Amino acid sequence: MTNTALPLPPKGYDQEYMNRLIRQISFALNKANAAVPLTVGSDLSGQIAGYPVSGLTIVNVPTSSTDLLPGSVWSDGGVLKIVS
């Protein structure tokens, strides 16, 4: 997940600080509201990166569990199964 730490406040009002603060808050809100469909191959690691997902499409799903690691998804005649 991207670091979106807010800037530290100055002792008095500072217009540049307020501008940076508003930009950071806007960025965080836009990111939180940007739910997008996700299409992946066989590896989900690092692809979601903290973004909300509105749908999931998995392509190239194996049709056998042979040689798959535990936790892997495979299709058994159109039924998704997870290797235990």
N, C-alpha and C. Protein backbone atom coordinates (compact mmCIF):
# COMPACT_ATOMS: atom_id res chain seq x y z
N MET A 1 0.84 -1.17 0.00
CA MET A 1 0.00 0.00 0.00
C MET A 1 0.89 1.24 0.00
N THR A 2 0.53 2.25 -0.76
CA THR A 2 1.30 3.47 -0.86
C THR A 2 1.21 4.26 0.44
N ASN A 3 2.35 4.83 0.86
CA ASN A 3 2.37 5.65 2.06
C ASN A 3 1.72 6.99 1.75
N THR A 4 0.65 7.29 2.43
CA THR A 4 -0.05 8.57 2.22
C THR A 4 -0.05 9.36 3.50
N ALA A 5 1.10 9.36 4.20
CA ALA A 5 1.18 10.09 5.47
C ALA A 5 0.90 11.57 5.24
N LEU A 6 0.14 12.15 6.14
CA LEU A 6 -0.18 13.56 6.04
C LEU A 6 1.02 14.38 6.49
N PRO A 7 1.22 15.56 5.90
CA PRO A 7 2.33 16.40 6.32
C PRO A 7 2.14 16.88 7.75
N LEU A 8 3.23 17.04 8.47
CA LEU A 8 3.16 17.53 9.85
C LEU A 8 2.75 19.00 9.86
N PRO A 9 1.90 19.41 10.80
CA PRO A 9 1.43 20.79 10.82
C PRO A 9 2.50 21.75 11.34
N PRO A 10 2.53 22.96 10.79
CA PRO A 10 3.42 23.98 11.34
C PRO A 10 2.82 24.55 12.63
N LYS A 11 3.60 25.38 13.35
CA LYS A 11 3.08 25.97 14.59
C LYS A 11 1.95 26.95 14.31
N GLY A 12 2.02 27.69 13.22
CA GLY A 12 0.97 28.64 12.85
C GLY A 12 0.34 28.23 11.53
N TYR A 13 -0.70 28.96 11.10
CA TYR A 13 -1.35 28.67 9.81
C TYR A 13 -0.36 28.88 8.68
N ASP A 14 -0.32 27.94 7.77
CA ASP A 14 0.57 28.02 6.61
C ASP A 14 -0.23 27.57 5.40
N GLN A 15 -0.39 28.46 4.45
CA GLN A 15 -1.23 28.14 3.28
C GLN A 15 -0.67 26.96 2.49
N GLU A 16 0.64 26.86 2.35
CA GLU A 16 1.22 25.73 1.61
C GLU A 16 0.94 24.41 2.34
N TYR A 17 1.03 24.42 3.66
CA TYR A 17 0.70 23.22 4.43
C TYR A 17 -0.75 22.81 4.18
N MET A 18 -1.67 23.79 4.23
CA MET A 18 -3.08 23.47 4.01
C MET A 18 -3.30 22.91 2.61
N ASN A 19 -2.61 23.47 1.61
CA ASN A 19 -2.73 22.96 0.24
C ASN A 19 -2.25 21.51 0.15
N ARG A 20 -1.11 21.20 0.79
CA ARG A 20 -0.60 19.83 0.78
C ARG A 20 -1.55 18.89 1.51
N LEU A 21 -2.08 19.34 2.64
CA LEU A 21 -3.02 18.53 3.41
C LEU A 21 -4.26 18.21 2.58
N ILE A 22 -4.82 19.20 1.94
CA ILE A 22 -6.02 19.00 1.11
C ILE A 22 -5.72 18.05 -0.05
N ARG A 23 -4.55 18.19 -0.68
CA ARG A 23 -4.17 17.28 -1.78
C ARG A 23 -4.06 15.84 -1.28
N GLN A 24 -3.44 15.63 -0.11
CA GLN A 24 -3.29 14.28 0.44
C GLN A 24 -4.64 13.67 0.79
N ILE A 25 -5.51 14.45 1.40
CA ILE A 25 -6.84 13.95 1.76
C ILE A 25 -7.63 13.64 0.49
N SER A 26 -7.56 14.51 -0.50
CA SER A 26 -8.26 14.27 -1.78
C SER A 26 -7.75 13.00 -2.45
N PHE A 27 -6.43 12.82 -2.44
CA PHE A 27 -5.83 11.62 -3.03
C PHE A 27 -6.36 10.37 -2.34
N ALA A 28 -6.37 10.38 -0.99
CA ALA A 28 -6.83 9.22 -0.23
C ALA A 28 -8.31 8.93 -0.51
N LEU A 29 -9.13 9.97 -0.57
CA LEU A 29 -10.56 9.77 -0.84
C LEU A 29 -10.78 9.25 -2.25
N ASN A 30 -10.07 9.80 -3.23
CA ASN A 30 -10.20 9.32 -4.61
C ASN A 30 -9.78 7.86 -4.73
N LYS A 31 -8.71 7.49 -4.03
CA LYS A 31 -8.25 6.11 -4.06
C LYS A 31 -9.28 5.18 -3.44
N ALA A 32 -9.86 5.60 -2.32
CA ALA A 32 -10.86 4.78 -1.64
C ALA A 32 -12.13 4.61 -2.47
N ASN A 33 -12.45 5.59 -3.29
CA ASN A 33 -13.68 5.55 -4.09
C ASN A 33 -13.46 5.01 -5.50
N ALA A 34 -12.26 4.59 -5.82
CA ALA A 34 -11.94 4.16 -7.18
C ALA A 34 -12.02 2.66 -7.34
N ALA A 35 -13.12 2.05 -6.93
CA ALA A 35 -13.28 0.61 -7.09
C ALA A 35 -13.31 0.27 -8.57
N VAL A 36 -12.44 -0.63 -8.97
CA VAL A 36 -12.33 -1.00 -10.37
C VAL A 36 -12.36 -2.53 -10.49
N PRO A 37 -12.80 -3.03 -11.62
CA PRO A 37 -12.72 -4.48 -11.84
C PRO A 37 -11.26 -4.91 -11.90
N LEU A 38 -10.97 -6.12 -11.51
CA LEU A 38 -9.62 -6.63 -11.49
C LEU A 38 -9.57 -7.90 -12.32
N THR A 39 -8.67 -7.95 -13.28
CA THR A 39 -8.45 -9.14 -14.08
C THR A 39 -7.05 -9.63 -13.80
N VAL A 40 -6.91 -10.89 -13.41
CA VAL A 40 -5.60 -11.43 -13.08
C VAL A 40 -5.38 -12.76 -13.77
N GLY A 41 -4.12 -13.13 -13.83
CA GLY A 41 -3.77 -14.46 -14.30
C GLY A 41 -3.69 -15.38 -13.11
N SER A 42 -2.55 -16.03 -12.94
CA SER A 42 -2.44 -17.02 -11.86
C SER A 42 -1.88 -16.44 -10.57
N ASP A 43 -1.45 -15.18 -10.56
CA ASP A 43 -0.80 -14.62 -9.37
C ASP A 43 -1.44 -13.30 -8.97
N LEU A 44 -2.05 -13.25 -7.78
CA LEU A 44 -2.68 -12.03 -7.29
C LEU A 44 -1.71 -11.15 -6.50
N SER A 45 -0.55 -11.67 -6.15
CA SER A 45 0.34 -10.95 -5.24
C SER A 45 0.76 -9.61 -5.81
N GLY A 46 0.59 -8.57 -5.02
CA GLY A 46 1.03 -7.23 -5.38
C GLY A 46 0.17 -6.52 -6.40
N GLN A 47 -0.92 -7.10 -6.87
CA GLN A 47 -1.70 -6.46 -7.92
C GLN A 47 -2.85 -5.62 -7.39
N ILE A 48 -3.28 -5.87 -6.17
CA ILE A 48 -4.42 -5.13 -5.64
C ILE A 48 -3.95 -3.85 -4.95
N ALA A 49 -2.85 -3.90 -4.27
CA ALA A 49 -2.18 -2.72 -3.69
C ALA A 49 -3.10 -1.80 -2.93
N GLY A 50 -4.02 -2.34 -2.17
CA GLY A 50 -4.85 -1.51 -1.32
C GLY A 50 -6.04 -0.85 -1.98
N TYR A 51 -6.25 -1.06 -3.26
CA TYR A 51 -7.39 -0.47 -3.94
C TYR A 51 -8.61 -1.34 -3.77
N PRO A 52 -9.79 -0.74 -3.56
CA PRO A 52 -11.01 -1.56 -3.50
C PRO A 52 -11.29 -2.16 -4.87
N VAL A 53 -11.87 -3.32 -4.88
CA VAL A 53 -12.14 -4.04 -6.12
C VAL A 53 -13.65 -4.23 -6.26
N SER A 54 -14.18 -3.92 -7.45
CA SER A 54 -15.62 -4.06 -7.66
C SER A 54 -15.99 -5.35 -8.36
N GLY A 55 -15.02 -6.08 -8.85
CA GLY A 55 -15.29 -7.34 -9.52
C GLY A 55 -13.97 -8.06 -9.75
N LEU A 56 -14.01 -9.33 -10.02
CA LEU A 56 -12.79 -10.11 -10.22
C LEU A 56 -13.00 -11.06 -11.38
N THR A 57 -12.07 -11.03 -12.32
CA THR A 57 -12.04 -11.98 -13.43
C THR A 57 -10.70 -12.70 -13.38
N ILE A 58 -10.74 -14.00 -13.32
CA ILE A 58 -9.51 -14.79 -13.32
C ILE A 58 -9.38 -15.47 -14.67
N VAL A 59 -8.27 -15.22 -15.34
CA VAL A 59 -8.03 -15.82 -16.66
C VAL A 59 -6.98 -16.91 -16.55
N ASN A 60 -6.97 -17.81 -17.51
CA ASN A 60 -5.98 -18.90 -17.57
C ASN A 60 -5.99 -19.76 -16.30
N VAL A 61 -7.17 -20.11 -15.82
CA VAL A 61 -7.30 -20.93 -14.62
C VAL A 61 -6.92 -22.36 -14.96
N PRO A 62 -6.02 -22.97 -14.20
CA PRO A 62 -5.65 -24.37 -14.47
C PRO A 62 -6.87 -25.28 -14.35
N THR A 63 -6.89 -26.36 -15.11
CA THR A 63 -8.01 -27.31 -15.07
C THR A 63 -7.64 -28.58 -14.34
N SER A 64 -6.52 -28.56 -13.65
CA SER A 64 -6.09 -29.68 -12.84
C SER A 64 -5.31 -29.13 -11.65
N SER A 65 -5.37 -29.83 -10.54
CA SER A 65 -4.64 -29.39 -9.35
C SER A 65 -3.21 -29.95 -9.32
N THR A 66 -2.87 -30.74 -10.32
CA THR A 66 -1.54 -31.35 -10.37
C THR A 66 -0.46 -30.27 -10.34
N ASP A 67 0.50 -30.43 -9.45
CA ASP A 67 1.66 -29.53 -9.30
C ASP A 67 1.32 -28.13 -8.80
N LEU A 68 0.09 -27.89 -8.35
CA LEU A 68 -0.26 -26.58 -7.81
C LEU A 68 0.05 -26.52 -6.32
N LEU A 69 0.42 -25.34 -5.85
CA LEU A 69 0.72 -25.14 -4.44
C LEU A 69 -0.57 -24.99 -3.64
N PRO A 70 -0.53 -25.32 -2.35
CA PRO A 70 -1.72 -25.10 -1.51
C PRO A 70 -2.17 -23.63 -1.59
N GLY A 71 -3.48 -23.44 -1.68
CA GLY A 71 -4.05 -22.11 -1.82
C GLY A 71 -4.31 -21.71 -3.26
N SER A 72 -3.77 -22.49 -4.20
CA SER A 72 -3.98 -22.19 -5.62
C SER A 72 -5.41 -22.51 -6.04
N VAL A 73 -5.92 -21.76 -7.00
CA VAL A 73 -7.28 -21.96 -7.52
C VAL A 73 -7.19 -22.73 -8.83
N TRP A 74 -8.11 -23.69 -9.01
CA TRP A 74 -8.19 -24.42 -10.27
C TRP A 74 -9.65 -24.70 -10.59
N SER A 75 -9.94 -25.00 -11.84
CA SER A 75 -11.31 -25.21 -12.30
C SER A 75 -11.55 -26.70 -12.53
N ASP A 76 -12.57 -27.21 -11.88
CA ASP A 76 -12.98 -28.62 -12.04
C ASP A 76 -14.31 -28.60 -12.77
N GLY A 77 -14.25 -28.57 -14.10
CA GLY A 77 -15.47 -28.53 -14.92
C GLY A 77 -16.28 -27.28 -14.71
N GLY A 78 -15.62 -26.13 -14.49
CA GLY A 78 -16.30 -24.86 -14.31
C GLY A 78 -16.57 -24.50 -12.85
N VAL A 79 -16.23 -25.41 -11.93
CA VAL A 79 -16.38 -25.14 -10.50
C VAL A 79 -14.99 -24.80 -9.96
N LEU A 80 -14.83 -23.61 -9.38
CA LEU A 80 -13.54 -23.24 -8.85
C LEU A 80 -13.29 -23.97 -7.54
N LYS A 81 -12.07 -24.50 -7.43
CA LYS A 81 -11.66 -25.22 -6.23
C LYS A 81 -10.31 -24.65 -5.78
N ILE A 82 -10.02 -24.84 -4.51
CA ILE A 82 -8.77 -24.36 -3.93
C ILE A 82 -7.97 -25.57 -3.45
N VAL A 83 -6.71 -25.61 -3.83
CA VAL A 83 -5.84 -26.71 -3.39
C VAL A 83 -5.58 -26.54 -1.89
N SER A 84 -5.81 -27.64 -1.13
CA SER A 84 -5.56 -27.55 0.32
C SER A 84 -4.23 -28.16 0.68
